[in-house]
Amino acid sequence: MNISVRKRGKVTILDMSGKLDMGSGDIALRNAFKQLLDGGERLFVFNMKDVSWMDSAGLGELIACNKRARERNGVIRLVLSPKTQEILAISRVIVVFDTFDDVEGAIASFV
C-alpha cells in the first residue's frame, strides 16, 4: 500500500494505491491517518481509486479511521474504485461513509 498526502485548502487528501490488506496496507493507513489526526487535520478525502484490493483487515481499518475521526469532530469522505465500492457494498459498510465518484466532488461536499 502506498499513501501520499496532499492538501486542498482545509481538506487533506490521502491518495492510496495497491492493496489495503492485513499486515501492510492496514498498518500503513493506521499510521498515516493517526499522524494527520494528531497533527490537527479534521477534513479528509480517502482517494481509493487506485486501491486494487481490500480484505477484512483493510475494511476494519477504514471503519476504525472513521471512528477516530468522529471522536475528534473529523469527517472522512471516500472516493472508490469499482472493486472497493463492491467490497463496501457487499459488506454493507458503504452506508457508514459518504462516497463520491471523484476527488473534486468529495472536496466540494465539505463546503
N, C-alpha and C. Protein backbone atom coordinates (compact mmCIF):
# COMPACT_ATOMS: atom_id res chain seq x y z
N MET A 1 0.85 -1.17 0.00
CA MET A 1 0.00 0.00 0.00
C MET A 1 0.89 1.23 0.00
N ASN A 2 0.65 2.10 -0.95
CA ASN A 2 1.32 3.40 -0.99
C ASN A 2 0.29 4.47 -0.66
N ILE A 3 0.69 5.40 0.20
CA ILE A 3 -0.19 6.50 0.57
C ILE A 3 0.59 7.79 0.41
N SER A 4 0.05 8.70 -0.40
CA SER A 4 0.64 10.04 -0.48
C SER A 4 -0.41 11.03 0.01
N VAL A 5 0.07 12.09 0.64
CA VAL A 5 -0.82 13.05 1.27
C VAL A 5 -0.64 14.41 0.60
N ARG A 6 -1.75 15.06 0.33
CA ARG A 6 -1.74 16.41 -0.22
C ARG A 6 -2.87 17.20 0.40
N LYS A 7 -2.77 18.50 0.31
CA LYS A 7 -3.79 19.39 0.90
C LYS A 7 -4.47 20.18 -0.21
N ARG A 8 -5.75 20.42 -0.04
CA ARG A 8 -6.51 21.33 -0.89
C ARG A 8 -7.32 22.17 0.06
N GLY A 9 -6.83 23.37 0.35
CA GLY A 9 -7.47 24.21 1.35
C GLY A 9 -7.40 23.55 2.71
N LYS A 10 -8.54 23.36 3.34
CA LYS A 10 -8.59 22.72 4.66
C LYS A 10 -8.74 21.20 4.58
N VAL A 11 -8.83 20.68 3.36
CA VAL A 11 -9.07 19.25 3.16
C VAL A 11 -7.74 18.52 2.93
N THR A 12 -7.56 17.43 3.66
CA THR A 12 -6.39 16.58 3.50
C THR A 12 -6.79 15.37 2.66
N ILE A 13 -6.07 15.14 1.58
CA ILE A 13 -6.37 14.04 0.66
C ILE A 13 -5.31 12.97 0.82
N LEU A 14 -5.76 11.75 1.07
CA LEU A 14 -4.86 10.61 1.11
C LEU A 14 -5.07 9.82 -0.17
N ASP A 15 -4.09 9.89 -1.07
CA ASP A 15 -4.13 9.13 -2.32
C ASP A 15 -3.52 7.76 -2.05
N MET A 16 -4.34 6.71 -2.19
CA MET A 16 -3.90 5.36 -1.87
C MET A 16 -3.81 4.53 -3.14
N SER A 17 -2.82 3.63 -3.16
CA SER A 17 -2.72 2.69 -4.28
C SER A 17 -2.18 1.36 -3.74
N GLY A 18 -2.53 0.31 -4.42
CA GLY A 18 -2.11 -1.03 -4.00
C GLY A 18 -3.19 -1.73 -3.21
N LYS A 19 -2.77 -2.62 -2.34
CA LYS A 19 -3.70 -3.44 -1.57
C LYS A 19 -3.84 -2.91 -0.15
N LEU A 20 -5.08 -2.72 0.25
CA LEU A 20 -5.40 -2.35 1.63
C LEU A 20 -5.74 -3.65 2.35
N ASP A 21 -4.69 -4.33 2.82
CA ASP A 21 -4.87 -5.66 3.39
C ASP A 21 -4.11 -5.81 4.71
N MET A 22 -4.28 -6.97 5.32
CA MET A 22 -3.71 -7.23 6.63
C MET A 22 -2.19 -7.25 6.57
N GLY A 23 -1.60 -6.58 7.55
CA GLY A 23 -0.17 -6.67 7.74
C GLY A 23 0.66 -5.61 7.04
N SER A 24 0.11 -4.96 6.07
CA SER A 24 0.86 -3.89 5.41
C SER A 24 -0.05 -2.70 5.14
N GLY A 25 -1.07 -2.90 4.36
CA GLY A 25 -1.97 -1.81 4.00
C GLY A 25 -2.71 -1.23 5.18
N ASP A 26 -3.22 -2.10 6.05
CA ASP A 26 -3.96 -1.61 7.21
C ASP A 26 -3.05 -0.83 8.16
N ILE A 27 -1.83 -1.28 8.34
CA ILE A 27 -0.88 -0.59 9.22
C ILE A 27 -0.46 0.74 8.62
N ALA A 28 -0.21 0.75 7.32
CA ALA A 28 0.18 1.99 6.65
C ALA A 28 -0.92 3.05 6.79
N LEU A 29 -2.17 2.65 6.58
CA LEU A 29 -3.28 3.58 6.70
C LEU A 29 -3.43 4.05 8.14
N ARG A 30 -3.37 3.14 9.10
CA ARG A 30 -3.50 3.50 10.51
C ARG A 30 -2.45 4.53 10.91
N ASN A 31 -1.20 4.27 10.55
CA ASN A 31 -0.11 5.16 10.94
C ASN A 31 -0.23 6.53 10.27
N ALA A 32 -0.51 6.55 8.97
CA ALA A 32 -0.62 7.82 8.25
C ALA A 32 -1.79 8.64 8.79
N PHE A 33 -2.92 7.99 9.00
CA PHE A 33 -4.11 8.70 9.46
C PHE A 33 -3.93 9.22 10.88
N LYS A 34 -3.36 8.40 11.75
CA LYS A 34 -3.13 8.82 13.13
C LYS A 34 -2.22 10.05 13.18
N GLN A 35 -1.19 10.05 12.40
CA GLN A 35 -0.26 11.18 12.38
C GLN A 35 -0.97 12.47 11.94
N LEU A 36 -1.80 12.36 10.91
CA LEU A 36 -2.54 13.53 10.43
C LEU A 36 -3.57 14.01 11.45
N LEU A 37 -4.29 13.09 12.04
CA LEU A 37 -5.30 13.43 13.04
C LEU A 37 -4.64 14.06 14.26
N ASP A 38 -3.54 13.48 14.71
CA ASP A 38 -2.82 14.04 15.85
C ASP A 38 -2.24 15.41 15.52
N GLY A 39 -1.98 15.67 14.24
CA GLY A 39 -1.46 16.96 13.80
C GLY A 39 -2.53 18.02 13.64
N GLY A 40 -3.79 17.67 13.90
CA GLY A 40 -4.87 18.66 13.88
C GLY A 40 -5.74 18.66 12.65
N GLU A 41 -5.46 17.79 11.69
CA GLU A 41 -6.30 17.72 10.49
C GLU A 41 -7.66 17.13 10.86
N ARG A 42 -8.73 17.61 10.21
CA ARG A 42 -10.08 17.14 10.54
C ARG A 42 -10.94 16.79 9.32
N LEU A 43 -10.61 17.30 8.16
CA LEU A 43 -11.39 17.02 6.94
C LEU A 43 -10.54 16.17 6.00
N PHE A 44 -11.05 14.99 5.67
CA PHE A 44 -10.26 14.03 4.90
C PHE A 44 -11.02 13.49 3.70
N VAL A 45 -10.28 13.30 2.62
CA VAL A 45 -10.75 12.53 1.48
C VAL A 45 -9.79 11.36 1.32
N PHE A 46 -10.32 10.15 1.40
CA PHE A 46 -9.54 8.96 1.12
C PHE A 46 -9.77 8.62 -0.35
N ASN A 47 -8.79 8.93 -1.19
CA ASN A 47 -8.89 8.64 -2.62
C ASN A 47 -8.42 7.21 -2.84
N MET A 48 -9.40 6.31 -3.01
CA MET A 48 -9.11 4.88 -3.13
C MET A 48 -9.29 4.38 -4.56
N LYS A 49 -9.25 5.29 -5.53
CA LYS A 49 -9.44 4.90 -6.94
C LYS A 49 -8.41 3.88 -7.41
N ASP A 50 -7.19 3.93 -6.83
CA ASP A 50 -6.12 3.01 -7.25
C ASP A 50 -5.87 1.88 -6.27
N VAL A 51 -6.83 1.66 -5.36
CA VAL A 51 -6.73 0.51 -4.46
C VAL A 51 -7.27 -0.70 -5.21
N SER A 52 -6.40 -1.68 -5.41
CA SER A 52 -6.76 -2.85 -6.23
C SER A 52 -7.47 -3.93 -5.44
N TRP A 53 -7.29 -3.95 -4.13
CA TRP A 53 -7.90 -4.99 -3.31
C TRP A 53 -7.99 -4.52 -1.87
N MET A 54 -8.99 -5.03 -1.17
CA MET A 54 -9.16 -4.72 0.24
C MET A 54 -9.72 -5.96 0.92
N ASP A 55 -9.08 -6.40 2.00
CA ASP A 55 -9.60 -7.54 2.75
C ASP A 55 -10.30 -7.05 4.02
N SER A 56 -10.66 -7.98 4.89
CA SER A 56 -11.41 -7.60 6.09
C SER A 56 -10.60 -6.71 7.02
N ALA A 57 -9.28 -6.89 7.05
CA ALA A 57 -8.43 -6.03 7.89
C ALA A 57 -8.44 -4.60 7.35
N GLY A 58 -8.39 -4.45 6.04
CA GLY A 58 -8.46 -3.13 5.43
C GLY A 58 -9.80 -2.48 5.69
N LEU A 59 -10.85 -3.26 5.56
CA LEU A 59 -12.20 -2.78 5.83
C LEU A 59 -12.33 -2.35 7.30
N GLY A 60 -11.79 -3.15 8.18
CA GLY A 60 -11.81 -2.82 9.60
C GLY A 60 -11.05 -1.54 9.90
N GLU A 61 -9.93 -1.34 9.20
CA GLU A 61 -9.15 -0.13 9.43
C GLU A 61 -9.88 1.10 8.93
N LEU A 62 -10.59 0.99 7.82
CA LEU A 62 -11.42 2.11 7.34
C LEU A 62 -12.45 2.50 8.39
N ILE A 63 -13.10 1.51 8.96
CA ILE A 63 -14.11 1.76 10.00
C ILE A 63 -13.45 2.38 11.23
N ALA A 64 -12.28 1.89 11.62
CA ALA A 64 -11.57 2.43 12.78
C ALA A 64 -11.16 3.89 12.53
N CYS A 65 -10.68 4.18 11.32
CA CYS A 65 -10.32 5.57 10.99
C CYS A 65 -11.54 6.47 11.10
N ASN A 66 -12.67 6.00 10.61
CA ASN A 66 -13.89 6.79 10.68
C ASN A 66 -14.28 7.06 12.13
N LYS A 67 -14.16 6.04 12.97
CA LYS A 67 -14.48 6.20 14.39
C LYS A 67 -13.54 7.21 15.04
N ARG A 68 -12.23 7.09 14.77
CA ARG A 68 -11.26 8.03 15.34
C ARG A 68 -11.55 9.46 14.88
N ALA A 69 -11.88 9.61 13.61
CA ALA A 69 -12.17 10.94 13.07
C ALA A 69 -13.38 11.54 13.78
N ARG A 70 -14.45 10.78 13.90
CA ARG A 70 -15.67 11.29 14.53
C ARG A 70 -15.44 11.67 16.00
N GLU A 71 -14.61 10.91 16.68
CA GLU A 71 -14.31 11.22 18.09
C GLU A 71 -13.62 12.57 18.23
N ARG A 72 -13.00 13.05 17.15
CA ARG A 72 -12.29 14.34 17.18
C ARG A 72 -12.96 15.36 16.26
N ASN A 73 -14.24 15.18 16.02
CA ASN A 73 -15.02 16.07 15.15
C ASN A 73 -14.46 16.14 13.73
N GLY A 74 -13.94 15.03 13.26
CA GLY A 74 -13.42 14.93 11.91
C GLY A 74 -14.41 14.24 10.99
N VAL A 75 -14.16 14.36 9.69
CA VAL A 75 -15.04 13.77 8.68
C VAL A 75 -14.17 13.13 7.60
N ILE A 76 -14.58 11.94 7.17
CA ILE A 76 -13.91 11.24 6.07
C ILE A 76 -14.89 11.05 4.93
N ARG A 77 -14.46 11.39 3.73
CA ARG A 77 -15.21 11.10 2.50
C ARG A 77 -14.38 10.10 1.71
N LEU A 78 -15.03 9.18 1.02
CA LEU A 78 -14.34 8.17 0.23
C LEU A 78 -14.56 8.38 -1.26
N VAL A 79 -13.51 8.21 -2.03
CA VAL A 79 -13.57 8.12 -3.49
C VAL A 79 -13.13 6.69 -3.81
N LEU A 80 -14.03 5.91 -4.39
CA LEU A 80 -13.82 4.47 -4.51
C LEU A 80 -13.56 4.01 -5.93
N SER A 81 -12.78 2.94 -6.03
CA SER A 81 -12.64 2.21 -7.30
C SER A 81 -13.85 1.29 -7.40
N PRO A 82 -14.14 0.76 -8.58
CA PRO A 82 -15.26 -0.19 -8.68
C PRO A 82 -15.09 -1.38 -7.73
N LYS A 83 -13.86 -1.87 -7.58
CA LYS A 83 -13.62 -3.03 -6.72
C LYS A 83 -13.88 -2.70 -5.25
N THR A 84 -13.35 -1.56 -4.78
CA THR A 84 -13.56 -1.21 -3.37
C THR A 84 -15.02 -0.85 -3.11
N GLN A 85 -15.68 -0.26 -4.09
CA GLN A 85 -17.11 0.04 -3.93
C GLN A 85 -17.90 -1.25 -3.78
N GLU A 86 -17.55 -2.24 -4.57
CA GLU A 86 -18.23 -3.53 -4.50
C GLU A 86 -18.01 -4.18 -3.12
N ILE A 87 -16.79 -4.14 -2.63
CA ILE A 87 -16.48 -4.73 -1.32
C ILE A 87 -17.25 -4.03 -0.21
N LEU A 88 -17.29 -2.71 -0.24
CA LEU A 88 -18.03 -1.97 0.78
C LEU A 88 -19.53 -2.22 0.67
N ALA A 89 -20.04 -2.37 -0.54
CA ALA A 89 -21.46 -2.63 -0.73
C ALA A 89 -21.85 -4.03 -0.23
N ILE A 90 -21.05 -5.02 -0.59
CA ILE A 90 -21.33 -6.39 -0.17
C ILE A 90 -21.30 -6.52 1.35
N SER A 91 -20.35 -5.84 1.97
CA SER A 91 -20.21 -5.91 3.43
C SER A 91 -21.19 -4.99 4.16
N ARG A 92 -21.91 -4.20 3.39
CA ARG A 92 -22.91 -3.24 3.90
C ARG A 92 -22.27 -2.11 4.73
N VAL A 93 -20.99 -1.94 4.59
CA VAL A 93 -20.28 -0.87 5.29
C VAL A 93 -20.43 0.45 4.52
N ILE A 94 -20.82 0.38 3.28
CA ILE A 94 -20.91 1.58 2.45
C ILE A 94 -21.86 2.62 3.03
N VAL A 95 -22.84 2.18 3.81
CA VAL A 95 -23.81 3.12 4.39
C VAL A 95 -23.19 3.99 5.48
N VAL A 96 -22.03 3.60 6.00
CA VAL A 96 -21.36 4.34 7.06
C VAL A 96 -20.65 5.58 6.49
N PHE A 97 -20.30 5.54 5.21
CA PHE A 97 -19.48 6.58 4.60
C PHE A 97 -20.25 7.36 3.53
N ASP A 98 -19.81 8.60 3.32
CA ASP A 98 -20.24 9.36 2.15
C ASP A 98 -19.23 9.05 1.06
N THR A 99 -19.73 8.56 -0.08
CA THR A 99 -18.84 8.18 -1.17
C THR A 99 -19.06 9.07 -2.38
N PHE A 100 -18.00 9.22 -3.16
CA PHE A 100 -18.03 10.11 -4.32
C PHE A 100 -17.31 9.47 -5.49
N ASP A 101 -17.63 9.96 -6.69
CA ASP A 101 -17.01 9.43 -7.91
C ASP A 101 -15.63 10.00 -8.15
N ASP A 102 -15.37 11.20 -7.62
CA ASP A 102 -14.07 11.82 -7.83
C ASP A 102 -13.69 12.70 -6.65
N VAL A 103 -12.42 13.05 -6.61
CA VAL A 103 -11.88 13.84 -5.50
C VAL A 103 -12.52 15.22 -5.46
N GLU A 104 -12.74 15.83 -6.62
CA GLU A 104 -13.32 17.17 -6.67
C GLU A 104 -14.71 17.20 -6.03
N GLY A 105 -15.52 16.19 -6.32
CA GLY A 105 -16.85 16.11 -5.72
C GLY A 105 -16.78 15.92 -4.21
N ALA A 106 -15.84 15.12 -3.76
CA ALA A 106 -15.68 14.90 -2.33
C ALA A 106 -15.25 16.18 -1.62
N ILE A 107 -14.33 16.92 -2.23
CA ILE A 107 -13.86 18.16 -1.63
C ILE A 107 -15.00 19.18 -1.58
N ALA A 108 -15.77 19.27 -2.66
CA ALA A 108 -16.88 20.22 -2.74
C ALA A 108 -17.95 19.93 -1.67
N SER A 109 -18.06 18.69 -1.24
CA SER A 109 -19.08 18.34 -0.24
C SER A 109 -18.80 18.93 1.13
N PHE A 110 -17.60 19.40 1.37
CA PHE A 110 -17.26 19.99 2.65
C PHE A 110 -17.71 21.45 2.77
N VAL A 111 -18.10 22.06 1.67
CA VAL A 111 -18.49 23.48 1.70
C VAL A 111 -19.89 23.62 2.25
